[in-house]
PDB file of N, CA and C in Angstrom:
ATOM      1  N   UNK A   1       0.897  -1.144  -0.029  1.00  0.00           N
ATOM      2  CA  UNK A   1       0.082  -0.100   0.238  1.00  0.00           C
ATOM      3  C   UNK A   1       0.793   1.087  -0.098  1.00  0.00           C
ATOM      4  N   UNK A   2       0.153   2.260  -0.728  1.00  0.00           N
ATOM      5  CA  UNK A   2       1.229   3.343  -0.436  1.00  0.00           C
ATOM      6  C   UNK A   2       0.505   4.276   0.627  1.00  0.00           C
ATOM      7  N   UNK A   3       1.089   5.633   0.637  1.00  0.00           N
ATOM      8  CA  UNK A   3       0.734   6.566   1.879  1.00  0.00           C
ATOM      9  C   UNK A   3      -0.552   6.910   1.852  1.00  0.00           C
ATOM     10  N   UNK A   4      -1.161   7.149   0.690  1.00  0.00           N
ATOM     11  CA  UNK A   4      -2.484   7.712   0.305  1.00  0.00           C
ATOM     12  C   UNK A   4      -3.648   6.528   0.953  1.00  0.00           C
ATOM     13  N   UNK A   5      -3.397   5.246   0.321  1.00  0.00           N
ATOM     14  CA  UNK A   5      -4.157   4.303   0.984  1.00  0.00           C
ATOM     15  C   UNK A   5      -4.000   3.901   2.169  1.00  0.00           C
ATOM     16  N   UNK A   6      -3.045   4.197   2.934  1.00  0.00           N
ATOM     17  CA  UNK A   6      -2.804   3.857   4.284  1.00  0.00           C
ATOM     18  C   UNK A   6      -3.719   5.178   5.053  1.00  0.00           C
ATOM     19  N   UNK A   7      -3.574   6.391   4.443  1.00  0.00           N
ATOM     20  CA  UNK A   7      -4.068   7.177   4.942  1.00  0.00           C
ATOM     21  C   UNK A   7      -5.774   7.286   4.950  1.00  0.00           C
ATOM     22  N   UNK A   8      -6.204   6.728   3.667  1.00  0.00           N
ATOM     23  CA  UNK A   8      -7.587   6.427   3.543  1.00  0.00           C
ATOM     24  C   UNK A   8      -7.990   5.293   4.624  1.00  0.00           C
ATOM     25  N   UNK A   9      -7.653   4.197   4.573  1.00  0.00           N
ATOM     26  CA  UNK A   9      -8.205   3.268   5.183  1.00  0.00           C
ATOM     27  C   UNK A   9      -7.786   3.326   6.630  1.00  0.00           C
ATOM     28  N   UNK A  10      -7.345   4.529   7.115  1.00  0.00           N
ATOM     29  CA  UNK A  10      -7.153   4.862   8.544  1.00  0.00           C
ATOM     30  C   UNK A  10      -5.763   4.023   9.240  1.00  0.00           C
ATOM     31  N   UNK A  11      -4.793   3.610   8.535  1.00  0.00           N
ATOM     32  CA  UNK A  11      -3.801   3.039   8.844  1.00  0.00           C
ATOM     33  C   UNK A  11      -2.526   3.545   9.358  1.00  0.00           C
ATOM     34  N   UNK A  12      -2.727   4.992   9.644  1.00  0.00           N
ATOM     35  CA  UNK A  12      -1.808   5.985   9.819  1.00  0.00           C
ATOM     36  C   UNK A  12      -2.241   6.567  11.040  1.00  0.00           C
ATOM     37  N   UNK A  13      -1.277   6.782  11.985  1.00  0.00           N
ATOM     38  CA  UNK A  13      -1.575   7.043  13.051  1.00  0.00           C
ATOM     39  C   UNK A  13      -0.358   8.151  13.771  1.00  0.00           C
ATOM     40  N   UNK A  14      -0.163   9.193  13.078  1.00  0.00           N
ATOM     41  CA  UNK A  14       0.936   9.885  13.452  1.00  0.00           C
ATOM     42  C   UNK A  14       0.794  10.625  14.805  1.00  0.00           C
ATOM     43  N   UNK A  15      -0.430  10.836  15.418  1.00  0.00           N
ATOM     44  CA  UNK A  15      -0.268  11.386  16.955  1.00  0.00           C
ATOM     45  C   UNK A  15      -0.165  10.566  17.795  1.00  0.00           C
ATOM     46  N   UNK A  16      -0.048   9.082  17.320  1.00  0.00           N
ATOM     47  CA  UNK A  16       0.578   8.049  18.369  1.00  0.00           C
ATOM     48  C   UNK A  16       1.942   7.746  18.336  1.00  0.00           C
ATOM     49  N   UNK A  17       2.670   8.083  17.385  1.00  0.00           N
ATOM     50  CA  UNK A  17       4.054   7.909  17.403  1.00  0.00           C
ATOM     51  C   UNK A  17       4.800   8.753  18.547  1.00  0.00           C
ATOM     52  N   UNK A  18       5.562   7.842  19.125  1.00  0.00           N
ATOM     53  CA  UNK A  18       6.140   8.163  20.387  1.00  0.00           C
ATOM     54  C   UNK A  18       7.554   8.673  20.151  1.00  0.00           C
ATOM     55  N   UNK A  19       7.966   9.837  20.284  1.00  0.00           N
ATOM     56  CA  UNK A  19       9.408  10.128  20.266  1.00  0.00           C
ATOM     57  C   UNK A  19      10.192  10.072  21.255  1.00  0.00           C
ATOM     58  N   UNK A  20      11.356   9.700  20.961  1.00  0.00           N
ATOM     59  CA  UNK A  20      12.431   9.563  22.331  1.00  0.00           C
ATOM     60  C   UNK A  20      12.478  11.143  23.092  1.00  0.00           C
ATOM     61  N   UNK A  21      12.397  11.210  24.618  1.00  0.00           N
ATOM     62  CA  UNK A  21      12.370  12.344  25.167  1.00  0.00           C
ATOM     63  C   UNK A  21      13.955  12.721  25.451  1.00  0.00           C
ATOM     64  N   UNK A  22      14.396  13.743  24.916  1.00  0.00           N
ATOM     65  CA  UNK A  22      15.864  14.235  25.488  1.00  0.00           C
ATOM     66  C   UNK A  22      15.740  14.431  26.898  1.00  0.00           C
ATOM     67  N   UNK A  23      17.053  14.704  27.571  1.00  0.00           N
ATOM     68  CA  UNK A  23      17.297  14.573  29.025  1.00  0.00           C
ATOM     69  C   UNK A  23      16.737  15.823  29.595  1.00  0.00           C
ATOM     70  N   UNK A  24      16.613  16.880  28.343  1.00  0.00           N
ATOM     71  CA  UNK A  24      15.986  18.315  29.222  1.00  0.00           C
ATOM     72  C   UNK A  24      14.545  17.920  29.456  1.00  0.00           C
ATOM     73  N   UNK A  25      13.843  17.570  28.548  1.00  0.00           N
ATOM     74  CA  UNK A  25      12.459  17.294  28.686  1.00  0.00           C
ATOM     75  C   UNK A  25      12.057  16.285  29.680  1.00  0.00           C
ATOM     76  N   UNK A  26      13.025  15.219  29.858  1.00  0.00           N
ATOM     77  CA  UNK A  26      12.764  14.252  30.810  1.00  0.00           C
ATOM     78  C   UNK A  26      13.048  14.898  32.424  1.00  0.00           C
ATOM     79  N   UNK A  27      13.973  15.998  32.431  1.00  0.00           N
ATOM     80  CA  UNK A  27      13.998  16.501  33.577  1.00  0.00           C
ATOM     81  C   UNK A  27      12.584  17.290  33.951  1.00  0.00           C
ATOM     82  N   UNK A  28      12.347  18.050  33.055  1.00  0.00           N
ATOM     83  CA  UNK A  28      11.233  19.007  33.230  1.00  0.00           C
ATOM     84  C   UNK A  28       9.793  18.153  33.499  1.00  0.00           C
ATOM     85  N   UNK A  29       9.801  16.790  33.082  1.00  0.00           N
ATOM     86  CA  UNK A  29       8.461  16.270  33.115  1.00  0.00           C
ATOM     87  C   UNK A  29       8.548  15.869  34.863  1.00  0.00           C
ATOM     88  N   UNK A  30      10.168  15.245  35.219  1.00  0.00           N
ATOM     89  CA  UNK A  30       9.999  14.849  36.475  1.00  0.00           C
ATOM     90  C   UNK A  30       9.604  16.084  37.273  1.00  0.00           C
ATOM     91  N   UNK A  31      10.301  17.200  37.234  1.00  0.00           N
ATOM     92  CA  UNK A  31      10.024  18.475  37.984  1.00  0.00           C
ATOM     93  C   UNK A  31       8.474  18.920  38.146  1.00  0.00           C
ATOM     94  N   UNK A  32       7.941  18.663  36.986  1.00  0.00           N
ATOM     95  CA  UNK A  32       6.401  18.814  36.858  1.00  0.00           C
ATOM     96  C   UNK A  32       5.657  17.965  37.777  1.00  0.00           C
ATOM     97  N   UNK A  33       6.006  16.713  37.626  1.00  0.00           N
ATOM     98  CA  UNK A  33       5.325  15.507  38.330  1.00  0.00           C
ATOM     99  C   UNK A  33       5.673  15.791  39.739  1.00  0.00           C
ATOM    100  N   UNK A  34       6.815  16.252  40.442  1.00  0.00           N
ATOM    101  CA  UNK A  34       7.299  16.336  42.078  1.00  0.00           C
ATOM    102  C   UNK A  34       6.558  17.429  42.415  1.00  0.00           C
ATOM    103  N   UNK A  35       6.450  18.535  41.540  1.00  0.00           N
ATOM    104  CA  UNK A  35       5.602  19.802  41.937  1.00  0.00           C
ATOM    105  C   UNK A  35       3.867  19.445  42.143  1.00  0.00           C
ATOM    106  N   UNK A  36       3.492  18.837  41.323  1.00  0.00           N
ATOM    107  CA  UNK A  36       2.003  18.262  40.967  1.00  0.00           C
ATOM    108  C   UNK A  36       1.744  17.623  42.115  1.00  0.00           C
ATOM    109  N   UNK A  37       2.631  16.566  42.770  1.00  0.00           N
ATOM    110  CA  UNK A  37       2.285  15.879  43.818  1.00  0.00           C
ATOM    111  C   UNK A  37       2.625  16.805  45.229  1.00  0.00           C
ATOM    112  N   UNK A  38       3.489  17.577  45.144  1.00  0.00           N
ATOM    113  CA  UNK A  38       3.300  18.547  46.358  1.00  0.00           C
ATOM    114  C   UNK A  38       2.181  19.638  46.427  1.00  0.00           C
ATOM    115  N   UNK A  39       1.663  20.151  45.381  1.00  0.00           N
ATOM    116  CA  UNK A  39       0.417  20.596  45.310  1.00  0.00           C
ATOM    117  C   UNK A  39      -0.569  20.112  45.907  1.00  0.00           C
ATOM    118  N   UNK A  40      -0.885  19.012  45.191  1.00  0.00           N
ATOM    119  CA  UNK A  40      -1.814  17.949  45.645  1.00  0.00           C
ATOM    120  C   UNK A  40      -1.883  17.605  46.871  1.00  0.00           C
ATOM    121  N   UNK A  41      -0.804  17.696  47.600  1.00  0.00           N
ATOM    122  CA  UNK A  41      -0.700  17.123  48.959  1.00  0.00           C
ATOM    123  C   UNK A  41      -1.215  18.229  49.818  1.00  0.00           C
ATOM    124  N   UNK A  42      -1.186  19.291  49.530  1.00  0.00           N
ATOM    125  CA  UNK A  42      -1.614  20.694  50.050  1.00  0.00           C
ATOM    126  C   UNK A  42      -3.173  21.069  50.020  1.00  0.00           C
ATOM    127  N   UNK A  43      -3.919  20.263  49.122  1.00  0.00           N
ATOM    128  CA  UNK A  43      -5.152  20.643  48.471  1.00  0.00           C
ATOM    129  C   UNK A  43      -6.216  19.774  49.385  1.00  0.00           C
ATOM    130  N   UNK A  44      -7.496  20.815  49.668  1.00  0.00           N
ATOM    131  CA  UNK A  44      -8.642  20.016  50.134  1.00  0.00           C
ATOM    132  C   UNK A  44      -9.175  19.265  48.946  1.00  0.00           C
ATOM    133  N   UNK A  45     -10.150  18.319  49.393  1.00  0.00           N
ATOM    134  CA  UNK A  45     -10.810  17.609  48.275  1.00  0.00           C
ATOM    135  C   UNK A  45     -11.647  18.247  47.209  1.00  0.00           C
ATOM    136  N   UNK A  46     -12.159  19.449  47.579  1.00  0.00           N
ATOM    137  CA  UNK A  46     -12.863  20.335  46.476  1.00  0.00           C
ATOM    138  C   UNK A  46     -11.835  20.965  45.667  1.00  0.00           C
ATOM    139  N   UNK A  47     -10.406  21.524  46.264  1.00  0.00           N
ATOM    140  CA  UNK A  47      -9.777  22.070  45.495  1.00  0.00           C
ATOM    141  C   UNK A  47      -9.018  20.918  44.308  1.00  0.00           C
ATOM    142  N   UNK A  48      -8.686  19.704  45.051  1.00  0.00           N
ATOM    143  CA  UNK A  48      -8.312  18.780  43.933  1.00  0.00           C
ATOM    144  C   UNK A  48      -9.098  18.433  42.832  1.00  0.00           C
ATOM    145  N   UNK A  49     -10.362  18.740  43.148  1.00  0.00           N
ATOM    146  CA  UNK A  49     -11.460  18.266  42.170  1.00  0.00           C
ATOM    147  C   UNK A  49     -11.346  19.605  40.966  1.00  0.00           C
ATOM    148  N   UNK A  50     -11.128  20.850  41.610  1.00  0.00           N
ATOM    149  CA  UNK A  50     -10.896  21.928  40.805  1.00  0.00           C
ATOM    150  C   UNK A  50      -9.724  21.730  39.991  1.00  0.00           C
ATOM    151  N   UNK A  51      -8.591  21.207  40.525  1.00  0.00           N
ATOM    152  CA  UNK A  51      -7.331  21.352  39.812  1.00  0.00           C
ATOM    153  C   UNK A  51      -7.610  20.143  38.825  1.00  0.00           C
ATOM    154  N   UNK A  52      -8.003  19.059  39.035  1.00  0.00           N
ATOM    155  CA  UNK A  52      -8.333  17.898  37.942  1.00  0.00           C
ATOM    156  C   UNK A  52      -9.053  18.561  36.766  1.00  0.00           C
ATOM    157  N   UNK A  53     -10.076  19.884  37.172  1.00  0.00           N
ATOM    158  CA  UNK A  53     -10.938  19.920  36.066  1.00  0.00           C
ATOM    159  C   UNK A  53     -10.112  20.987  35.472  1.00  0.00           C
ATOM    160  N   UNK A  54      -9.193  21.772  35.856  1.00  0.00           N
ATOM    161  CA  UNK A  54      -8.118  22.614  35.279  1.00  0.00           C
ATOM    162  C   UNK A  54      -7.133  21.768  34.393  1.00  0.00           C
ATOM    163  N   UNK A  55      -6.835  20.635  34.878  1.00  0.00           N
ATOM    164  CA  UNK A  55      -5.568  19.860  34.265  1.00  0.00           C
ATOM    165  C   UNK A  55      -6.672  19.358  32.994  1.00  0.00           C
ATOM    166  N   UNK A  56      -7.818  18.815  33.059  1.00  0.00           N
ATOM    167  CA  UNK A  56      -8.741  18.449  31.810  1.00  0.00           C
ATOM    168  C   UNK A  56      -8.660  19.614  30.848  1.00  0.00           C
ATOM    169  N   UNK A  57      -9.001  20.782  31.212  1.00  0.00           N
ATOM    170  CA  UNK A  57      -9.132  21.667  30.495  1.00  0.00           C
ATOM    171  C   UNK A  57      -7.754  22.169  29.472  1.00  0.00           C
ATOM    172  N   UNK A  58      -6.633  22.202  30.254  1.00  0.00           N
ATOM    173  CA  UNK A  58      -5.421  22.509  29.710  1.00  0.00           C
ATOM    174  C   UNK A  58      -4.980  21.307  28.973  1.00  0.00           C
ATOM    175  N   UNK A  59      -5.270  20.161  29.239  1.00  0.00           N
ATOM    176  CA  UNK A  59      -5.222  18.729  27.985  1.00  0.00           C
ATOM    177  C   UNK A  59      -5.788  18.916  26.917  1.00  0.00           C
ATOM    178  N   UNK A  60      -7.119  19.586  27.102  1.00  0.00           N
ATOM    179  CA  UNK A  60      -8.111  19.740  25.748  1.00  0.00           C
ATOM    180  C   UNK A  60      -7.346  20.817  24.843  1.00  0.00           C
ATOM    181  N   UNK A  61      -6.958  22.096  25.629  1.00  0.00           N
ATOM    182  CA  UNK A  61      -6.199  23.107  24.853  1.00  0.00           C
ATOM    183  C   UNK A  61      -5.061  22.552  24.132  1.00  0.00           C
ATOM    184  N   UNK A  62      -4.186  21.755  24.893  1.00  0.00           N
ATOM    185  CA  UNK A  62      -3.201  21.008  24.349  1.00  0.00           C
ATOM    186  C   UNK A  62      -3.338  20.272  23.152  1.00  0.00           C
ATOM    187  N   UNK A  63      -4.356  19.549  23.080  1.00  0.00           N
ATOM    188  CA  UNK A  63      -5.015  18.840  22.126  1.00  0.00           C
ATOM    189  C   UNK A  63      -5.479  19.476  20.680  1.00  0.00           C
ATOM    190  N   UNK A  64      -6.027  20.499  21.288  1.00  0.00           N
ATOM    191  CA  UNK A  64      -6.414  21.470  20.195  1.00  0.00           C
ATOM    192  C   UNK A  64      -5.131  22.153  19.127  1.00  0.00           C
ATOM    193  N   UNK A  65      -4.218  22.556  20.002  1.00  0.00           N
ATOM    194  CA  UNK A  65      -3.032  23.143  19.459  1.00  0.00           C
ATOM    195  C   UNK A  65      -2.116  22.158  18.811  1.00  0.00           C
ATOM    196  N   UNK A  66      -2.207  20.737  19.264  1.00  0.00           N
ATOM    197  CA  UNK A  66      -1.239  19.838  18.503  1.00  0.00           C
ATOM    198  C   UNK A  66      -2.128  19.510  17.001  1.00  0.00           C
ATOM    199  N   UNK A  67      -3.345  19.312  17.236  1.00  0.00           N
ATOM    200  CA  UNK A  67      -4.034  19.108  16.106  1.00  0.00           C
ATOM    201  C   UNK A  67      -3.793  20.266  14.929  1.00  0.00           C
ATOM    202  N   UNK A  68      -4.029  21.550  15.502  1.00  0.00           N
ATOM    203  CA  UNK A  68      -3.971  22.512  14.626  1.00  0.00           C
ATOM    204  C   UNK A  68      -2.430  22.381  14.029  1.00  0.00           C
ATOM    205  N   UNK A  69      -1.173  22.395  14.783  1.00  0.00           N
ATOM    206  CA  UNK A  69      -0.111  22.545  14.465  1.00  0.00           C
ATOM    207  C   UNK A  69       0.394  21.389  13.328  1.00  0.00           C
ATOM    208  N   UNK A  70      -0.511  20.083  13.572  1.00  0.00           N
ATOM    209  CA  UNK A  70      -0.176  19.038  12.427  1.00  0.00           C
ATOM    210  C   UNK A  70      -1.021  19.481  10.995  1.00  0.00           C
ATOM    211  N   UNK A  71      -1.971  20.052  11.271  1.00  0.00           N
ATOM    212  CA  UNK A  71      -2.863  20.400  10.051  1.00  0.00           C
ATOM    213  C   UNK A  71      -2.143  21.684   9.365  1.00  0.00           C
ATOM    214  N   UNK A  72      -1.429  22.325   9.942  1.00  0.00           N
ATOM    215  CA  UNK A  72      -0.610  23.686   9.590  1.00  0.00           C
ATOM    216  C   UNK A  72       0.831  22.966   8.870  1.00  0.00           C
ATOM    217  N   UNK A  73       1.137  22.012   9.415  1.00  0.00           N
ATOM    218  CA  UNK A  73       2.433  21.332   8.857  1.00  0.00           C
ATOM    219  C   UNK A  73       2.198  20.466   7.589  1.00  0.00           C
ATOM    220  N   UNK A  74       1.220  20.113   7.745  1.00  0.00           N
ATOM    221  CA  UNK A  74       0.571  19.289   6.626  1.00  0.00           C
ATOM    222  C   UNK A  74       0.497  19.963   5.420  1.00  0.00           C
ATOM    223  N   UNK A  75      -0.494  21.031   5.431  1.00  0.00           N
ATOM    224  CA  UNK A  75      -0.715  22.093   4.510  1.00  0.00           C
ATOM    225  C   UNK A  75       0.356  22.561   3.806  1.00  0.00           C
ATOM    226  N   UNK A  76       1.531  22.945   4.736  1.00  0.00           N
ATOM    227  CA  UNK A  76       2.888  23.543   4.415  1.00  0.00           C
ATOM    228  C   UNK A  76       3.438  22.443   3.553  1.00  0.00           C
ATOM    229  N   UNK A  77       3.573  21.141   3.992  1.00  0.00           N
ATOM    230  CA  UNK A  77       4.139  20.264   3.182  1.00  0.00           C
ATOM    231  C   UNK A  77       3.665  20.043   1.858  1.00  0.00           C
ATOM    232  N   UNK A  78       2.233  19.767   1.867  1.00  0.00           N
ATOM    233  CA  UNK A  78       1.399  19.761   0.622  1.00  0.00           C
ATOM    234  C   UNK A  78       1.666  20.949  -0.446  1.00  0.00           C
ATOM    235  N   UNK A  79       1.749  22.088   0.178  1.00  0.00           N
ATOM    236  CA  UNK A  79       2.045  23.433  -0.845  1.00  0.00           C
ATOM    237  C   UNK A  79       3.846  23.252  -1.171  1.00  0.00           C
ATOM    238  N   UNK A  80       4.508  22.830  -0.166  1.00  0.00           N
ATOM    239  CA  UNK A  80       6.238  22.635  -0.935  1.00  0.00           C
ATOM    240  C   UNK A  80       6.098  21.625  -2.156  1.00  0.00           C
ATOM    241  N   UNK A  81       5.354  20.345  -2.034  1.00  0.00           N
ATOM    242  CA  UNK A  81       5.191  19.524  -3.033  1.00  0.00           C
ATOM    243  C   UNK A  81       4.332  19.897  -4.249  1.00  0.00           C
ATOM    244  N   UNK A  82       3.421  20.889  -4.143  1.00  0.00           N
ATOM    245  CA  UNK A  82       2.784  21.379  -5.313  1.00  0.00           C
ATOM    246  C   UNK A  82       3.705  22.388  -5.685  1.00  0.00           C
ATOM    247  N   UNK A  83       4.303  23.448  -5.053  1.00  0.00           N
ATOM    248  CA  UNK A  83       5.293  24.226  -5.720  1.00  0.00           C
ATOM    249  C   UNK A  83       6.303  23.505  -6.298  1.00  0.00           C
ATOM    250  N   UNK A  84       6.894  22.475  -6.058  1.00  0.00           N
ATOM    251  CA  UNK A  84       8.299  21.971  -6.622  1.00  0.00           C
ATOM    252  C   UNK A  84       7.641  21.190  -7.877  1.00  0.00           C
ATOM    253  N   UNK A  85       6.594  20.742  -7.905  1.00  0.00           N
ATOM    254  CA  UNK A  85       5.903  20.289  -9.190  1.00  0.00           C
ATOM    255  C   UNK A  85       5.810  21.307 -10.523  1.00  0.00           C
ATOM    256  N   UNK A  86       5.623  22.642 -10.191  1.00  0.00           N
ATOM    257  CA  UNK A  86       5.223  23.705 -11.150  1.00  0.00           C
ATOM    258  C   UNK A  86       6.480  24.200 -11.553  1.00  0.00           C
TER     259      UNK A  86
END
């Protein structure tokens, strides 16, 4: 199959491709997790629920931005191909 057929049949999942994290990113993720644990330990149950809602909204915004970046990159790539053919 070629890439267009894979795309048509839903065999491509670029958003699921896991990339290797560099040391700086790993360090920041560790720091983020440690700080979140410390923060949660200080919150009441009601505050924890609010914080979870905050994280859910933040995750949604991140997913929207990722999707838009993918679309923008795909369009740019397509335009590059089209321009190189003319």
